[in-house]
């Protein structure tokens, strides 16, 4: 009997490890951060945070709704649910007391987020011109921004690029993405970025120049050797220098800027998805809609 109990315990430990490994490290950290906030609420009010009950979740999100966006509430519930699963507890996040409370909050707050501004082609050019190319340390920033834009990269994909992930060919550069938000199993995908006719804004030439300066001295093999937060700070820095509203931009501005610009220039939906790695059309169609707000506007046919 004792051997059977030991085997079950081993299986439980192995199952927990598998659950943890199924999520990216950054994602797990975000879940843990969200759960710490929930735990603090529970401690303050004398509730149990693990395991918890649907009515406690309902009280938590009601309190949270006073100073947070609707999207934050949804994310917190998801995080609490994942932590419960990892620890071997069941939590019914679809319980009526949670869902009805959410619907009521949604009607009060609204669910539409104010997105960060995409970095479109004209603003991209302004930012690149603002980067003082005489300073060698700025070679990284130029390569980061141009490659990030041209490849429709997520921040996590950019900062995890390794020197071995690059293959320069006659047409440009092929970049291996070993793992991404939509590829947690690590099957990998390739982004192909061609040479641009305009050398000043060519991401491939910019990357080559930076790598030559770097001289293959990469810490842990990482090309850019920065955090995901640094990507946003770099974009904001140069946006401010050019006189743009830096608060409107974030790390995601490169990715959304690529998708919106590609749509504006007539790229097909599937071509944009092939580069960005989106698995569904919902977000890509939002970018296309944004790009066509004025192009397909009915008022273009109105003569006044």
Protein backbone atom coordinates (compact mmCIF):
# COMPACT_ATOMS: atom_id res chain seq x y z
CA UNK A 1 0.00 0.00 0.00
CA UNK A 2 2.83 2.40 0.89
CA UNK A 3 4.47 1.74 -2.50
CA UNK A 4 1.21 2.61 -4.24
CA UNK A 5 0.95 5.90 -2.32
CA UNK A 6 4.55 6.71 -3.23
CA UNK A 7 3.87 6.03 -6.93
CA UNK A 8 0.79 8.28 -6.86
CA UNK A 9 2.81 11.07 -5.23
CA UNK A 10 5.47 10.73 -7.94
CA UNK A 11 2.78 10.96 -10.62
CA UNK A 12 1.32 14.06 -8.96
CA UNK A 13 4.74 15.76 -8.89
CA UNK A 14 5.38 14.81 -12.53
CA UNK A 15 1.93 16.11 -13.54
CA UNK A 16 2.56 19.45 -11.82
CA UNK A 17 5.90 19.77 -13.63
CA UNK A 18 4.21 19.08 -16.97
CA UNK A 19 1.61 21.75 -16.25
CA UNK A 20 4.33 24.25 -15.39
CA UNK A 21 6.39 23.36 -18.47
CA UNK A 22 3.35 23.84 -20.71
CA UNK A 23 3.55 27.58 -20.03
CA UNK A 24 6.32 30.00 -20.99
CA UNK A 25 8.36 31.37 -18.08
CA UNK A 26 7.17 34.94 -18.68
CA UNK A 27 3.56 33.73 -18.74
CA UNK A 28 4.00 31.86 -15.47
CA UNK A 29 5.53 34.93 -13.86
CA UNK A 30 2.52 36.97 -14.97
CA UNK A 31 0.15 34.37 -13.50
CA UNK A 32 2.07 34.39 -10.23
CA UNK A 33 2.03 38.19 -10.07
CA UNK A 34 -1.73 38.24 -10.59
CA UNK A 35 -2.22 35.55 -7.96
CA UNK A 36 -0.15 37.49 -5.42
CA UNK A 37 -2.56 40.39 -5.79
CA UNK A 38 -5.50 38.05 -5.25
CA UNK A 39 -3.78 36.48 -2.22
CA UNK A 40 -3.21 39.93 -0.70
CA UNK A 41 -6.92 40.67 -1.08
CA UNK A 42 -7.80 37.36 0.60
CA UNK A 43 -5.39 37.90 3.51
CA UNK A 44 -6.75 41.39 4.07
CA UNK A 45 -10.33 40.10 4.21
CA UNK A 46 -9.76 36.78 5.95
CA UNK A 47 -10.46 34.55 2.94
CA UNK A 48 -8.67 31.44 1.69
CA UNK A 49 -6.87 32.05 -1.59
CA UNK A 50 -5.88 28.43 -2.32
CA UNK A 51 -8.24 26.77 -2.77
CA UNK A 52 -10.78 29.53 -3.11
CA UNK A 53 -14.48 29.68 -3.98
CA UNK A 54 -16.42 31.36 -6.82
CA UNK A 55 -18.05 33.83 -4.42
CA UNK A 56 -14.59 35.00 -3.27
CA UNK A 57 -13.60 35.54 -6.92
CA UNK A 58 -16.80 37.56 -7.41
CA UNK A 59 -15.97 39.77 -4.42
CA UNK A 60 -12.40 40.20 -5.65
CA UNK A 61 -13.30 41.32 -9.16
CA UNK A 62 -15.97 43.67 -7.80
CA UNK A 63 -13.29 45.34 -5.69
CA UNK A 64 -10.81 45.29 -8.58
CA UNK A 65 -13.29 46.89 -10.98
CA UNK A 66 -13.11 50.15 -9.00
CA UNK A 67 -9.65 50.90 -10.40
CA UNK A 68 -8.92 48.35 -13.17
CA UNK A 69 -9.97 47.70 -16.75
CA UNK A 70 -12.37 44.92 -17.68
CA UNK A 71 -9.55 43.11 -19.52
CA UNK A 72 -7.54 43.07 -16.28
CA UNK A 73 -10.40 41.35 -14.46
CA UNK A 74 -10.55 38.63 -17.13
CA UNK A 75 -6.80 38.10 -16.96
CA UNK A 76 -6.80 37.87 -13.15
CA UNK A 77 -9.52 35.20 -13.20
CA UNK A 78 -7.54 33.21 -15.78
CA UNK A 79 -4.38 33.50 -13.66
CA UNK A 80 -6.14 32.34 -10.50
CA UNK A 81 -7.57 29.38 -12.41
CA UNK A 82 -4.15 28.35 -13.79
CA UNK A 83 -2.50 28.51 -10.36
CA UNK A 84 -5.27 26.34 -8.96
CA UNK A 85 -4.71 23.77 -11.73
CA UNK A 86 -0.96 23.75 -11.14
CA UNK A 87 -1.53 23.16 -7.43
CA UNK A 88 -4.07 20.42 -8.08
CA UNK A 89 -7.26 22.29 -7.13
CA UNK A 90 -10.47 22.63 -9.13
CA UNK A 91 -12.03 26.08 -9.55
CA UNK A 92 -15.21 26.70 -11.52
CA UNK A 93 -14.48 30.04 -13.17
CA UNK A 94 -17.69 29.71 -15.22
CA UNK A 95 -19.83 29.67 -12.08
CA UNK A 96 -22.93 31.92 -12.46
CA UNK A 97 -21.89 34.15 -9.54
CA UNK A 98 -18.65 34.99 -11.39
CA UNK A 99 -20.10 35.27 -14.90
CA UNK A 100 -23.12 37.37 -13.94
CA UNK A 101 -20.89 39.66 -11.90
CA UNK A 102 -18.55 40.04 -14.88
CA UNK A 103 -21.45 40.86 -17.22
CA UNK A 104 -22.68 43.53 -14.82
CA UNK A 105 -19.21 45.08 -14.56
CA UNK A 106 -18.84 44.95 -18.35
CA UNK A 107 -22.05 46.91 -18.82
CA UNK A 108 -20.78 49.51 -16.37
CA UNK A 109 -17.16 49.80 -17.49
CA UNK A 110 -17.28 48.65 -21.11
CA UNK A 111 -14.76 46.13 -22.38
CA UNK A 112 -12.98 47.98 -25.17
CA UNK A 113 -9.33 48.61 -24.42
CA UNK A 114 -7.52 51.74 -25.53
CA UNK A 115 -4.74 50.16 -27.56
CA UNK A 116 -1.23 51.50 -27.91
CA UNK A 117 -0.56 53.24 -31.20
CA UNK A 118 0.94 51.15 -34.01
CA UNK A 119 4.29 52.42 -35.28
CA UNK A 120 3.37 53.21 -38.89
CA UNK A 121 5.84 53.69 -41.72
CA UNK A 122 6.17 57.50 -41.58
CA UNK A 123 6.70 57.52 -37.82
CA UNK A 124 9.11 54.60 -38.16
CA UNK A 125 11.21 56.66 -40.58
CA UNK A 126 11.19 59.60 -38.17
CA UNK A 127 12.42 57.38 -35.35
CA UNK A 128 15.16 55.77 -37.45
CA UNK A 129 16.39 59.21 -38.53
CA UNK A 130 16.45 60.24 -34.87
CA UNK A 131 18.85 57.46 -33.98
CA UNK A 132 22.34 58.92 -34.08
CA UNK A 133 24.14 56.38 -36.22
CA UNK A 134 27.53 57.84 -35.28
CA UNK A 135 27.15 56.40 -31.78
CA UNK A 136 27.93 52.71 -31.98
CA UNK A 137 25.66 51.82 -29.07
CA UNK A 138 22.70 53.00 -31.14
CA UNK A 139 23.34 50.34 -33.78
CA UNK A 140 21.51 47.90 -31.54
CA UNK A 141 18.47 50.17 -31.23
CA UNK A 142 18.22 50.70 -34.97
CA UNK A 143 18.53 46.97 -35.71
CA UNK A 144 16.05 46.14 -32.96
CA UNK A 145 13.38 48.55 -34.22
CA UNK A 146 13.76 47.73 -37.92
CA UNK A 147 13.88 43.95 -37.43
CA UNK A 148 11.05 44.10 -34.88
CA UNK A 149 8.88 46.03 -37.33
CA UNK A 150 9.79 44.12 -40.50
CA UNK A 151 9.19 40.74 -38.87
CA UNK A 152 6.07 41.66 -36.93
CA UNK A 153 7.83 40.33 -33.84
CA UNK A 154 6.46 39.94 -30.35
CA UNK A 155 8.74 41.40 -27.68
CA UNK A 156 9.40 37.95 -26.23
CA UNK A 157 10.48 36.68 -29.66
CA UNK A 158 12.85 39.61 -30.18
CA UNK A 159 14.66 39.39 -26.86
CA UNK A 160 15.12 35.62 -27.18
CA UNK A 161 16.72 35.73 -30.62
CA UNK A 162 20.00 33.85 -30.65
CA UNK A 163 22.95 34.27 -32.99
CA UNK A 164 22.38 30.70 -34.21
CA UNK A 165 18.81 31.59 -35.21
CA UNK A 166 19.99 33.74 -38.14
CA UNK A 167 20.73 32.60 -41.66
CA UNK A 168 21.75 35.27 -44.16
CA UNK A 169 20.93 34.38 -47.77
CA UNK A 170 21.05 36.24 -51.10
CA UNK A 171 17.49 37.51 -50.66
CA UNK A 172 17.87 38.70 -47.05
CA UNK A 173 17.78 36.91 -43.70
CA UNK A 174 15.85 33.92 -42.40
CA UNK A 175 15.14 34.02 -38.67
CA UNK A 176 14.18 30.95 -36.68
CA UNK A 177 11.60 31.52 -33.94
CA UNK A 178 12.16 28.60 -31.59
CA UNK A 179 9.18 29.28 -29.36
CA UNK A 180 6.41 31.87 -29.23
CA UNK A 181 3.12 32.67 -27.54
CA UNK A 182 1.21 30.58 -30.09
CA UNK A 183 3.88 27.86 -30.24
CA UNK A 184 4.43 26.78 -26.64
CA UNK A 185 5.48 23.28 -27.73
CA UNK A 186 8.50 24.72 -29.53
CA UNK A 187 7.85 23.40 -33.04
CA UNK A 188 9.48 26.56 -34.41
CA UNK A 189 8.78 28.81 -37.38
CA UNK A 190 10.76 30.91 -39.86
CA UNK A 191 10.43 34.63 -40.56
CA UNK A 192 11.96 35.75 -43.88
CA UNK A 193 12.98 39.41 -44.14
CA UNK A 194 14.21 40.61 -47.55
CA UNK A 195 16.65 43.41 -48.34
CA UNK A 196 15.01 46.82 -48.79
CA UNK A 197 15.84 49.04 -51.76
CA UNK A 198 16.18 51.97 -49.38
CA UNK A 199 19.40 51.10 -47.53
CA UNK A 200 18.81 53.65 -44.78
CA UNK A 201 15.78 51.73 -43.57
CA UNK A 202 16.86 48.20 -44.53
CA UNK A 203 16.47 45.86 -41.52
CA UNK A 204 18.84 43.25 -42.96
CA UNK A 205 21.70 45.71 -43.54
CA UNK A 206 21.08 47.29 -40.15
CA UNK A 207 21.25 43.88 -38.45
CA UNK A 208 24.44 42.99 -40.31
CA UNK A 209 26.08 46.26 -39.26
CA UNK A 210 25.11 45.70 -35.64
CA UNK A 211 26.37 42.10 -35.63
CA UNK A 212 29.69 43.22 -37.13
CA UNK A 213 30.06 45.78 -34.33
CA UNK A 214 29.04 43.18 -31.76
CA UNK A 215 31.67 40.82 -33.22
CA UNK A 216 29.82 37.69 -32.06
CA UNK A 217 30.27 38.60 -28.39
CA UNK A 218 26.81 37.67 -27.23
CA UNK A 219 25.90 37.07 -23.60
CA UNK A 220 24.34 33.58 -23.49
CA UNK A 221 24.08 33.78 -27.29
CA UNK A 222 21.37 36.46 -27.16
CA UNK A 223 21.55 39.01 -29.97
CA UNK A 224 19.96 42.00 -28.28
CA UNK A 225 20.53 41.04 -24.63
CA UNK A 226 17.73 43.18 -23.18
CA UNK A 227 14.50 42.64 -21.29
CA UNK A 228 11.03 42.80 -22.83
CA UNK A 229 10.39 46.07 -20.96
CA UNK A 230 13.50 47.57 -22.56
CA UNK A 231 11.95 47.15 -26.02
CA UNK A 232 9.14 49.51 -25.05
CA UNK A 233 11.53 51.96 -23.37
CA UNK A 234 13.72 52.14 -26.49
CA UNK A 235 10.72 52.88 -28.71
CA UNK A 236 9.42 55.51 -26.29
CA UNK A 237 12.86 57.12 -26.05
CA UNK A 238 13.12 57.80 -29.77
CA UNK A 239 9.44 58.63 -30.14
CA UNK A 240 9.95 61.40 -27.59
CA UNK A 241 13.07 62.66 -29.39
CA UNK A 242 11.10 62.99 -32.64
CA UNK A 243 8.27 64.86 -30.93
CA UNK A 244 5.78 61.98 -31.05
CA UNK A 245 3.61 61.23 -28.03
CA UNK A 246 5.78 58.57 -26.37
CA UNK A 247 2.97 57.50 -24.02
CA UNK A 248 1.00 56.21 -27.02
CA UNK A 249 3.68 53.67 -27.99
CA UNK A 250 4.78 50.36 -26.49
CA UNK A 251 6.73 47.24 -27.42
CA UNK A 252 3.68 45.92 -29.27
CA UNK A 253 3.73 49.01 -31.52
CA UNK A 254 6.31 47.33 -33.80
CA UNK A 255 4.12 44.27 -34.34
CA UNK A 256 0.86 46.16 -34.76
CA UNK A 257 2.67 48.73 -36.93
CA UNK A 258 3.85 46.03 -39.31
CA UNK A 259 0.42 44.40 -39.58
CA UNK A 260 -1.41 47.72 -40.09
CA UNK A 261 1.15 48.99 -42.62
CA UNK A 262 1.15 45.71 -44.55
CA UNK A 263 -2.66 45.82 -44.71
CA UNK A 264 -2.57 49.44 -45.84
CA UNK A 265 -0.26 48.49 -48.72
CA UNK A 266 -2.60 45.69 -49.79
CA UNK A 267 -1.02 42.56 -48.28
CA UNK A 268 -3.40 39.65 -47.97
CA UNK A 269 -4.67 38.46 -44.63
CA UNK A 270 -2.88 35.10 -44.83
CA UNK A 271 0.43 36.77 -45.75
CA UNK A 272 0.25 39.01 -42.69
CA UNK A 273 -0.62 36.03 -40.47
CA UNK A 274 2.28 34.03 -41.90
CA UNK A 275 4.69 36.72 -40.73
CA UNK A 276 3.10 37.61 -37.39
CA UNK A 277 2.26 34.05 -36.40
CA UNK A 278 -1.37 34.82 -35.53
CA UNK A 279 -3.40 31.62 -35.36
CA UNK A 280 -6.80 33.29 -35.79
CA UNK A 281 -7.98 36.05 -38.08
CA UNK A 282 -9.70 38.16 -35.39
CA UNK A 283 -6.76 40.39 -34.46
CA UNK A 284 -5.36 40.59 -38.00
CA UNK A 285 -8.74 41.75 -39.30
CA UNK A 286 -8.73 44.46 -36.65
CA UNK A 287 -5.41 45.71 -38.07
CA UNK A 288 -6.83 45.56 -41.61
CA UNK A 289 -9.91 47.48 -40.49
CA UNK A 290 -7.69 50.13 -38.91
CA UNK A 291 -5.65 50.44 -42.11
CA UNK A 292 -8.77 50.87 -44.22
CA UNK A 293 -10.62 53.39 -42.03
CA UNK A 294 -10.00 56.19 -44.51
CA UNK A 295 -9.16 54.21 -47.64
CA UNK A 296 -12.59 52.55 -47.86
CA UNK A 297 -14.50 55.33 -46.19
CA UNK A 298 -17.92 55.97 -47.74
CA UNK A 299 -17.31 59.72 -47.48
CA UNK A 300 -14.64 59.41 -50.20
CA UNK A 301 -17.51 59.22 -52.69
CA UNK A 302 -19.17 62.32 -51.29
CA UNK A 303 -18.44 65.56 -53.16
CA UNK A 304 -18.93 68.78 -51.19
